[in-house]
Amino acid sequence: MKWCDNISLTLVIIGAINWLLVGLFSFDLVAFIFGNMTLISRIIYTLVGLCGLYLISLYGRINKEQ
């Protein structure tokens, strides 16, 4: 599961950077690279969202390690 955690964390960080750019500069990096709401950009947004939901499980796993 460690590889899944690393991939998910990387995608969520990329999503967070994208939201930072949207908030500060009104610049959507995903839309700039892949087009505004194209199939590829929608897949990327979906994957980032799913990874964020998956990372909620870290709370339970962190508490078990302590």
N, C-alpha and C. Protein backbone atom coordinates (compact mmCIF):
# COMPACT_ATOMS: atom_id res chain seq x y z
N MET A 1 0.80 -1.20 0.00
CA MET A 1 0.00 0.00 0.00
C MET A 1 0.84 1.26 0.00
N LYS A 2 2.10 1.15 0.32
CA LYS A 2 2.95 2.33 0.38
C LYS A 2 3.02 3.03 -0.98
N TRP A 3 3.10 2.27 -2.06
CA TRP A 3 3.17 2.89 -3.40
C TRP A 3 1.87 3.64 -3.69
N CYS A 4 0.75 3.11 -3.26
CA CYS A 4 -0.53 3.78 -3.49
C CYS A 4 -0.60 5.08 -2.68
N ASP A 5 -0.08 5.03 -1.45
CA ASP A 5 -0.03 6.25 -0.63
C ASP A 5 0.84 7.31 -1.29
N ASN A 6 1.99 6.91 -1.81
CA ASN A 6 2.90 7.87 -2.44
C ASN A 6 2.30 8.48 -3.70
N ILE A 7 1.68 7.67 -4.53
CA ILE A 7 1.05 8.19 -5.76
C ILE A 7 -0.10 9.13 -5.39
N SER A 8 -0.91 8.71 -4.44
CA SER A 8 -2.05 9.54 -4.02
C SER A 8 -1.58 10.87 -3.44
N LEU A 9 -0.58 10.81 -2.60
CA LEU A 9 -0.06 12.04 -2.00
C LEU A 9 0.51 12.97 -3.06
N THR A 10 1.22 12.42 -4.03
CA THR A 10 1.78 13.23 -5.11
C THR A 10 0.67 13.92 -5.91
N LEU A 11 -0.38 13.17 -6.26
CA LEU A 11 -1.48 13.77 -7.02
C LEU A 11 -2.22 14.82 -6.22
N VAL A 12 -2.40 14.59 -4.93
CA VAL A 12 -3.08 15.58 -4.10
C VAL A 12 -2.24 16.85 -3.96
N ILE A 13 -0.93 16.69 -3.86
CA ILE A 13 -0.05 17.87 -3.80
C ILE A 13 -0.13 18.65 -5.10
N ILE A 14 -0.13 17.95 -6.24
CA ILE A 14 -0.28 18.63 -7.54
C ILE A 14 -1.61 19.37 -7.59
N GLY A 15 -2.68 18.73 -7.09
CA GLY A 15 -3.98 19.39 -7.04
C GLY A 15 -3.98 20.61 -6.15
N ALA A 16 -3.27 20.52 -5.03
CA ALA A 16 -3.19 21.66 -4.11
C ALA A 16 -2.44 22.82 -4.75
N ILE A 17 -1.37 22.51 -5.47
CA ILE A 17 -0.62 23.56 -6.17
C ILE A 17 -1.50 24.21 -7.24
N ASN A 18 -2.28 23.39 -7.93
CA ASN A 18 -3.19 23.93 -8.94
C ASN A 18 -4.20 24.88 -8.30
N TRP A 19 -4.77 24.49 -7.15
CA TRP A 19 -5.72 25.36 -6.46
C TRP A 19 -5.05 26.62 -5.93
N LEU A 20 -3.80 26.51 -5.51
CA LEU A 20 -3.06 27.70 -5.09
C LEU A 20 -2.94 28.68 -6.25
N LEU A 21 -2.61 28.16 -7.43
CA LEU A 21 -2.49 29.02 -8.62
C LEU A 21 -3.84 29.64 -8.99
N VAL A 22 -4.91 28.86 -8.85
CA VAL A 22 -6.25 29.39 -9.15
C VAL A 22 -6.59 30.50 -8.15
N GLY A 23 -6.30 30.27 -6.89
CA GLY A 23 -6.64 31.26 -5.86
C GLY A 23 -5.83 32.54 -5.96
N LEU A 24 -4.55 32.42 -6.25
CA LEU A 24 -3.70 33.60 -6.27
C LEU A 24 -3.72 34.34 -7.61
N PHE A 25 -3.75 33.58 -8.70
CA PHE A 25 -3.57 34.20 -10.01
C PHE A 25 -4.69 33.91 -11.00
N SER A 26 -5.74 33.23 -10.57
CA SER A 26 -6.83 32.81 -11.46
C SER A 26 -6.28 32.04 -12.67
N PHE A 27 -5.29 31.19 -12.40
CA PHE A 27 -4.64 30.42 -13.46
C PHE A 27 -4.80 28.94 -13.15
N ASP A 28 -5.54 28.25 -14.01
CA ASP A 28 -5.77 26.81 -13.85
C ASP A 28 -4.74 26.06 -14.70
N LEU A 29 -3.75 25.50 -14.06
CA LEU A 29 -2.66 24.83 -14.76
C LEU A 29 -3.14 23.61 -15.53
N VAL A 30 -4.05 22.84 -14.96
CA VAL A 30 -4.57 21.65 -15.65
C VAL A 30 -5.30 22.06 -16.91
N ALA A 31 -6.14 23.07 -16.82
CA ALA A 31 -6.87 23.55 -18.00
C ALA A 31 -5.91 24.14 -19.03
N PHE A 32 -4.85 24.78 -18.57
CA PHE A 32 -3.87 25.36 -19.48
C PHE A 32 -3.15 24.26 -20.28
N ILE A 33 -2.79 23.18 -19.60
CA ILE A 33 -2.03 22.12 -20.26
C ILE A 33 -2.93 21.22 -21.09
N PHE A 34 -4.08 20.83 -20.55
CA PHE A 34 -4.91 19.81 -21.20
C PHE A 34 -6.19 20.33 -21.83
N GLY A 35 -6.50 21.60 -21.64
CA GLY A 35 -7.72 22.17 -22.19
C GLY A 35 -8.78 22.28 -21.11
N ASN A 36 -9.69 23.21 -21.32
CA ASN A 36 -10.72 23.49 -20.34
C ASN A 36 -11.81 22.43 -20.40
N MET A 37 -11.88 21.60 -19.37
CA MET A 37 -12.87 20.54 -19.20
C MET A 37 -12.90 19.55 -20.37
N THR A 38 -11.73 19.25 -20.91
CA THR A 38 -11.64 18.17 -21.88
C THR A 38 -11.71 16.84 -21.11
N LEU A 39 -11.78 15.76 -21.83
CA LEU A 39 -11.87 14.45 -21.19
C LEU A 39 -10.64 14.20 -20.31
N ILE A 40 -9.47 14.56 -20.81
CA ILE A 40 -8.24 14.32 -20.05
C ILE A 40 -8.22 15.16 -18.78
N SER A 41 -8.60 16.43 -18.87
CA SER A 41 -8.60 17.27 -17.67
C SER A 41 -9.63 16.79 -16.66
N ARG A 42 -10.77 16.31 -17.12
CA ARG A 42 -11.78 15.78 -16.20
C ARG A 42 -11.28 14.52 -15.52
N ILE A 43 -10.54 13.69 -16.24
CA ILE A 43 -9.95 12.49 -15.63
C ILE A 43 -8.95 12.89 -14.55
N ILE A 44 -8.13 13.89 -14.84
CA ILE A 44 -7.14 14.35 -13.86
C ILE A 44 -7.84 14.89 -12.61
N TYR A 45 -8.85 15.74 -12.79
CA TYR A 45 -9.58 16.26 -11.64
C TYR A 45 -10.21 15.12 -10.84
N THR A 46 -10.76 14.13 -11.52
CA THR A 46 -11.37 12.99 -10.84
C THR A 46 -10.34 12.19 -10.07
N LEU A 47 -9.18 11.94 -10.68
CA LEU A 47 -8.13 11.19 -9.99
C LEU A 47 -7.64 11.93 -8.75
N VAL A 48 -7.46 13.23 -8.86
CA VAL A 48 -7.01 14.02 -7.71
C VAL A 48 -8.05 13.94 -6.59
N GLY A 49 -9.32 14.05 -6.94
CA GLY A 49 -10.38 13.96 -5.94
C GLY A 49 -10.44 12.59 -5.28
N LEU A 50 -10.33 11.53 -6.08
CA LEU A 50 -10.34 10.17 -5.53
C LEU A 50 -9.14 9.93 -4.62
N CYS A 51 -7.99 10.46 -5.01
CA CYS A 51 -6.79 10.32 -4.17
C CYS A 51 -6.98 11.05 -2.85
N GLY A 52 -7.60 12.21 -2.90
CA GLY A 52 -7.88 12.94 -1.67
C GLY A 52 -8.80 12.15 -0.75
N LEU A 53 -9.82 11.51 -1.32
CA LEU A 53 -10.71 10.68 -0.51
C LEU A 53 -9.96 9.47 0.05
N TYR A 54 -9.09 8.88 -0.75
CA TYR A 54 -8.31 7.73 -0.30
C TYR A 54 -7.40 8.11 0.87
N LEU A 55 -6.82 9.30 0.81
CA LEU A 55 -5.89 9.72 1.86
C LEU A 55 -6.58 9.99 3.19
N ILE A 56 -7.89 10.06 3.20
CA ILE A 56 -8.61 10.16 4.48
C ILE A 56 -8.28 8.94 5.34
N SER A 57 -8.02 7.81 4.69
CA SER A 57 -7.69 6.58 5.43
C SER A 57 -6.38 6.72 6.21
N LEU A 58 -5.55 7.69 5.88
CA LEU A 58 -4.30 7.90 6.62
C LEU A 58 -4.58 8.21 8.09
N TYR A 59 -5.67 8.89 8.38
CA TYR A 59 -5.99 9.22 9.76
C TYR A 59 -6.10 7.96 10.61
N GLY A 60 -6.80 6.97 10.11
CA GLY A 60 -6.94 5.72 10.84
C GLY A 60 -5.63 4.95 10.95
N ARG A 61 -4.83 4.96 9.88
CA ARG A 61 -3.57 4.23 9.89
C ARG A 61 -2.54 4.91 10.77
N ILE A 62 -2.56 6.23 10.83
CA ILE A 62 -1.62 6.95 11.71
C ILE A 62 -1.92 6.64 13.17
N ASN A 63 -3.19 6.62 13.51
CA ASN A 63 -3.58 6.34 14.90
C ASN A 63 -3.21 4.92 15.30
N LYS A 64 -3.26 3.97 14.37
CA LYS A 64 -2.90 2.59 14.68
C LYS A 64 -1.41 2.44 14.93
N GLU A 65 -0.58 3.26 14.30
CA GLU A 65 0.87 3.17 14.45
C GLU A 65 1.34 3.72 15.78
N GLN A 66 0.57 4.58 16.42
CA GLN A 66 1.01 5.21 17.66
C GLN A 66 0.80 4.34 18.85
